Amino acid sequence: MDSDKTKQIINYYVEAYNSFDVEGIVKLLHKEIIFRNFSNGEVDTETKGIQEFKELAENSSKIFASRRQTIIGYSAVDDKVEVHIKYEGILAVDLPNGLKAGDKLQLKGKSVFQIKAGKILLIEDYS
């Protein structure tokens, strides 16, 4: 798959994520999608398959009043694409870690995507 097509799929994913469009996200996923979130170097969330990912996406969307990922760069690494992200979100609910509804989160991180047969097979988020 060419890099323009890969970037287009990733851009569609980010647009759907930013607009809380879970169905739009799911349409982009390979049936064997693997998602992992890394925080402080450790996996704190992992899903396998579309149903688990969809449940996580639906639950996550309820936590934020607004959220926006902005792509600030791409780089190819073997058969994957590393996407450097600037993230901003406003919480809709209080969290167990002490953050409160209305608090603003601002992070920089990266997401690693792997595409197979025109669909997203792997997403790894690092913050």
C-alpha atoms as a PDB file:
ATOM      1  CA  MET A   1       0.000   0.000   0.000  1.00  0.00           C
ATOM      2  CA  ASP A   2       1.343   3.406  -0.861  1.00  0.00           C
ATOM      3  CA  SER A   3       2.086   6.021   1.743  1.00  0.00           C
ATOM      4  CA  ASP A   4      -0.567   8.448   0.448  1.00  0.00           C
ATOM      5  CA  LYS A   5      -3.302   5.822   0.908  1.00  0.00           C
ATOM      6  CA  THR A   6      -1.966   4.954   4.364  1.00  0.00           C
ATOM      7  CA  LYS A   7      -1.927   8.622   5.393  1.00  0.00           C
ATOM      8  CA  GLN A   8      -5.475   9.014   4.069  1.00  0.00           C
ATOM      9  CA  ILE A   9      -6.718   6.092   6.205  1.00  0.00           C
ATOM     10  CA  ILE A  10      -4.948   7.510   9.283  1.00  0.00           C
ATOM     11  CA  ASN A  11      -6.361  10.989   8.615  1.00  0.00           C
ATOM     12  CA  TYR A  12      -9.888   9.531   8.338  1.00  0.00           C
ATOM     13  CA  TYR A  13      -9.339   7.728  11.635  1.00  0.00           C
ATOM     14  CA  VAL A  14      -8.229  10.943  13.390  1.00  0.00           C
ATOM     15  CA  GLU A  15     -11.166  12.899  11.927  1.00  0.00           C
ATOM     16  CA  ALA A  16     -13.628  10.237  13.139  1.00  0.00           C
ATOM     17  CA  TYR A  17     -11.925  10.149  16.557  1.00  0.00           C
ATOM     18  CA  ASN A  18     -12.115  13.932  16.931  1.00  0.00           C
ATOM     19  CA  SER A  19     -15.828  13.955  16.071  1.00  0.00           C
ATOM     20  CA  PHE A  20     -16.704  10.993  18.366  1.00  0.00           C
ATOM     21  CA  ASP A  21     -17.756   8.979  15.272  1.00  0.00           C
ATOM     22  CA  VAL A  22     -17.321   5.429  16.597  1.00  0.00           C
ATOM     23  CA  GLU A  23     -19.041   3.875  13.565  1.00  0.00           C
ATOM     24  CA  GLY A  24     -16.738   5.853  11.270  1.00  0.00           C
ATOM     25  CA  ILE A  25     -13.742   4.500  13.172  1.00  0.00           C
ATOM     26  CA  VAL A  26     -15.017   0.916  13.071  1.00  0.00           C
ATOM     27  CA  LYS A  27     -15.384   1.055   9.257  1.00  0.00           C
ATOM     28  CA  LEU A  28     -11.627   1.666   9.027  1.00  0.00           C
ATOM     29  CA  LEU A  29     -10.629  -1.308  11.199  1.00  0.00           C
ATOM     30  CA  HIS A  30      -9.394  -4.733  10.168  1.00  0.00           C
ATOM     31  CA  LYS A  31     -11.447  -7.493  11.809  1.00  0.00           C
ATOM     32  CA  GLU A  32      -8.335  -8.549  13.776  1.00  0.00           C
ATOM     33  CA  ILE A  33      -7.574  -5.024  15.058  1.00  0.00           C
ATOM     34  CA  ILE A  34      -5.227  -4.869  18.035  1.00  0.00           C
ATOM     35  CA  PHE A  35      -5.181  -1.706  20.128  1.00  0.00           C
ATOM     36  CA  ARG A  36      -2.716  -0.963  22.922  1.00  0.00           C
ATOM     37  CA  ASN A  37      -2.308   2.148  25.040  1.00  0.00           C
ATOM     38  CA  PHE A  38       1.079   2.663  26.674  1.00  0.00           C
ATOM     39  CA  SER A  39       1.447   4.997  29.620  1.00  0.00           C
ATOM     40  CA  ASN A  40       4.808   5.458  31.322  1.00  0.00           C
ATOM     41  CA  GLY A  41       6.211   2.636  29.188  1.00  0.00           C
ATOM     42  CA  GLU A  42       3.617   0.041  30.213  1.00  0.00           C
ATOM     43  CA  VAL A  43       0.489  -1.270  28.504  1.00  0.00           C
ATOM     44  CA  ASP A  44      -2.509  -0.047  30.488  1.00  0.00           C
ATOM     45  CA  THR A  45      -5.205  -0.926  27.940  1.00  0.00           C
ATOM     46  CA  GLU A  46      -5.383  -3.592  25.234  1.00  0.00           C
ATOM     47  CA  THR A  47      -8.198  -4.774  22.985  1.00  0.00           C
ATOM     48  CA  LYS A  48      -8.350  -7.477  20.328  1.00  0.00           C
ATOM     49  CA  GLY A  49     -10.979  -7.543  17.615  1.00  0.00           C
ATOM     50  CA  ILE A  50     -13.529  -5.008  16.464  1.00  0.00           C
ATOM     51  CA  GLN A  51     -16.087  -5.619  19.236  1.00  0.00           C
ATOM     52  CA  GLU A  52     -13.625  -4.990  22.090  1.00  0.00           C
ATOM     53  CA  PHE A  53     -12.260  -1.902  20.331  1.00  0.00           C
ATOM     54  CA  LYS A  54     -15.771  -0.559  19.696  1.00  0.00           C
ATOM     55  CA  GLU A  55     -16.737  -0.989  23.360  1.00  0.00           C
ATOM     56  CA  LEU A  56     -13.586   0.854  24.463  1.00  0.00           C
ATOM     57  CA  ALA A  57     -14.209   3.658  21.944  1.00  0.00           C
ATOM     58  CA  GLU A  58     -17.828   4.070  23.067  1.00  0.00           C
ATOM     59  CA  ASN A  59     -16.835   4.153  26.754  1.00  0.00           C
ATOM     60  CA  SER A  60     -13.932   6.545  26.117  1.00  0.00           C
ATOM     61  CA  SER A  61     -16.119   8.961  24.193  1.00  0.00           C
ATOM     62  CA  LYS A  62     -18.285   9.424  27.305  1.00  0.00           C
ATOM     63  CA  ILE A  63     -15.293  10.656  29.329  1.00  0.00           C
ATOM     64  CA  PHE A  64     -14.652  13.736  27.182  1.00  0.00           C
ATOM     65  CA  ALA A  65     -16.796  16.782  26.460  1.00  0.00           C
ATOM     66  CA  SER A  66     -14.414  17.529  23.589  1.00  0.00           C
ATOM     67  CA  ARG A  67     -11.178  16.101  22.279  1.00  0.00           C
ATOM     68  CA  ARG A  68      -8.836  16.784  19.419  1.00  0.00           C
ATOM     69  CA  GLN A  69      -5.860  14.931  18.056  1.00  0.00           C
ATOM     70  CA  THR A  70      -3.682  16.984  15.714  1.00  0.00           C
ATOM     71  CA  ILE A  71      -1.130  15.191  13.568  1.00  0.00           C
ATOM     72  CA  ILE A  72       2.189  17.014  13.683  1.00  0.00           C
ATOM     73  CA  GLY A  73       4.259  14.497  11.710  1.00  0.00           C
ATOM     74  CA  TYR A  74       4.534  11.051  10.128  1.00  0.00           C
ATOM     75  CA  SER A  75       7.435   8.644   9.844  1.00  0.00           C
ATOM     76  CA  ALA A  76       7.666   5.150   8.393  1.00  0.00           C
ATOM     77  CA  VAL A  77       9.127   2.478  10.651  1.00  0.00           C
ATOM     78  CA  ASP A  78       9.406  -0.951   8.989  1.00  0.00           C
ATOM     79  CA  ASP A  79       5.836  -1.891   7.972  1.00  0.00           C
ATOM     80  CA  LYS A  80       4.246   0.628  10.352  1.00  0.00           C
ATOM     81  CA  VAL A  81       3.638   4.375  10.397  1.00  0.00           C
ATOM     82  CA  GLU A  82       4.506   6.458  13.446  1.00  0.00           C
ATOM     83  CA  VAL A  83       2.248   9.476  13.799  1.00  0.00           C
ATOM     84  CA  HIS A  84       3.285  12.254  16.150  1.00  0.00           C
ATOM     85  CA  ILE A  85       0.233  13.711  17.852  1.00  0.00           C
ATOM     86  CA  LYS A  86      -0.695  16.763  19.855  1.00  0.00           C
ATOM     87  CA  TYR A  87      -3.738  15.971  22.005  1.00  0.00           C
ATOM     88  CA  GLU A  88      -6.169  18.226  23.793  1.00  0.00           C
ATOM     89  CA  GLY A  89      -9.321  17.187  25.622  1.00  0.00           C
ATOM     90  CA  ILE A  90     -11.866  18.567  28.097  1.00  0.00           C
ATOM     91  CA  LEU A  91     -13.149  16.050  30.632  1.00  0.00           C
ATOM     92  CA  ALA A  92     -16.891  15.458  30.875  1.00  0.00           C
ATOM     93  CA  VAL A  93     -16.649  13.435  34.104  1.00  0.00           C
ATOM     94  CA  ASP A  94     -14.559  13.267  37.265  1.00  0.00           C
ATOM     95  CA  LEU A  95     -11.825  10.627  37.116  1.00  0.00           C
ATOM     96  CA  PRO A  96     -10.494   8.414  39.930  1.00  0.00           C
ATOM     97  CA  ASN A  97      -7.015   9.995  39.553  1.00  0.00           C
ATOM     98  CA  GLY A  98      -8.356  13.332  40.856  1.00  0.00           C
ATOM     99  CA  LEU A  99      -8.998  15.073  37.536  1.00  0.00           C
ATOM    100  CA  LYS A 100     -12.391  16.774  37.431  1.00  0.00           C
ATOM    101  CA  ALA A 101     -15.048  17.395  34.791  1.00  0.00           C
ATOM    102  CA  GLY A 102     -14.086  20.546  32.909  1.00  0.00           C
ATOM    103  CA  ASP A 103     -10.345  19.975  33.383  1.00  0.00           C
ATOM    104  CA  LYS A 104      -8.281  20.371  30.225  1.00  0.00           C
ATOM    105  CA  LEU A 105      -5.724  17.739  29.233  1.00  0.00           C
ATOM    106  CA  GLN A 106      -2.875  18.591  26.890  1.00  0.00           C
ATOM    107  CA  LEU A 107      -0.431  15.898  25.838  1.00  0.00           C
ATOM    108  CA  LYS A 108       2.061  15.106  23.140  1.00  0.00           C
ATOM    109  CA  GLY A 109       2.582  11.541  22.108  1.00  0.00           C
ATOM    110  CA  LYS A 110       2.649   9.204  19.192  1.00  0.00           C
ATOM    111  CA  SER A 111       0.453   6.564  17.663  1.00  0.00           C
ATOM    112  CA  VAL A 112       1.774   3.649  15.654  1.00  0.00           C
ATOM    113  CA  PHE A 113      -0.474   2.299  12.907  1.00  0.00           C
ATOM    114  CA  GLN A 114      -0.179  -0.824  10.806  1.00  0.00           C
ATOM    115  CA  ILE A 115      -2.404  -1.230   7.764  1.00  0.00           C
ATOM    116  CA  LYS A 116      -3.385  -4.583   6.238  1.00  0.00           C
ATOM    117  CA  ALA A 117      -5.598  -4.993   3.169  1.00  0.00           C
ATOM    118  CA  GLY A 118      -6.597  -1.325   3.332  1.00  0.00           C
ATOM    119  CA  LYS A 119      -7.737  -1.532   6.963  1.00  0.00           C
ATOM    120  CA  ILE A 120      -6.118  -0.602  10.287  1.00  0.00           C
ATOM    121  CA  LEU A 121      -4.707  -3.784  11.858  1.00  0.00           C
ATOM    122  CA  LEU A 122      -2.758  -2.220  14.743  1.00  0.00           C
ATOM    123  CA  ILE A 123      -2.946   0.972  16.771  1.00  0.00           C
ATOM    124  CA  GLU A 124      -0.508   1.632  19.604  1.00  0.00           C
ATOM    125  CA  ASP A 125      -0.826   4.913  21.494  1.00  0.00           C
ATOM    126  CA  TYR A 126       2.107   6.211  23.539  1.00  0.00           C
ATOM    127  CA  SER A 127       1.881   9.110  25.987  1.00  0.00           C
END
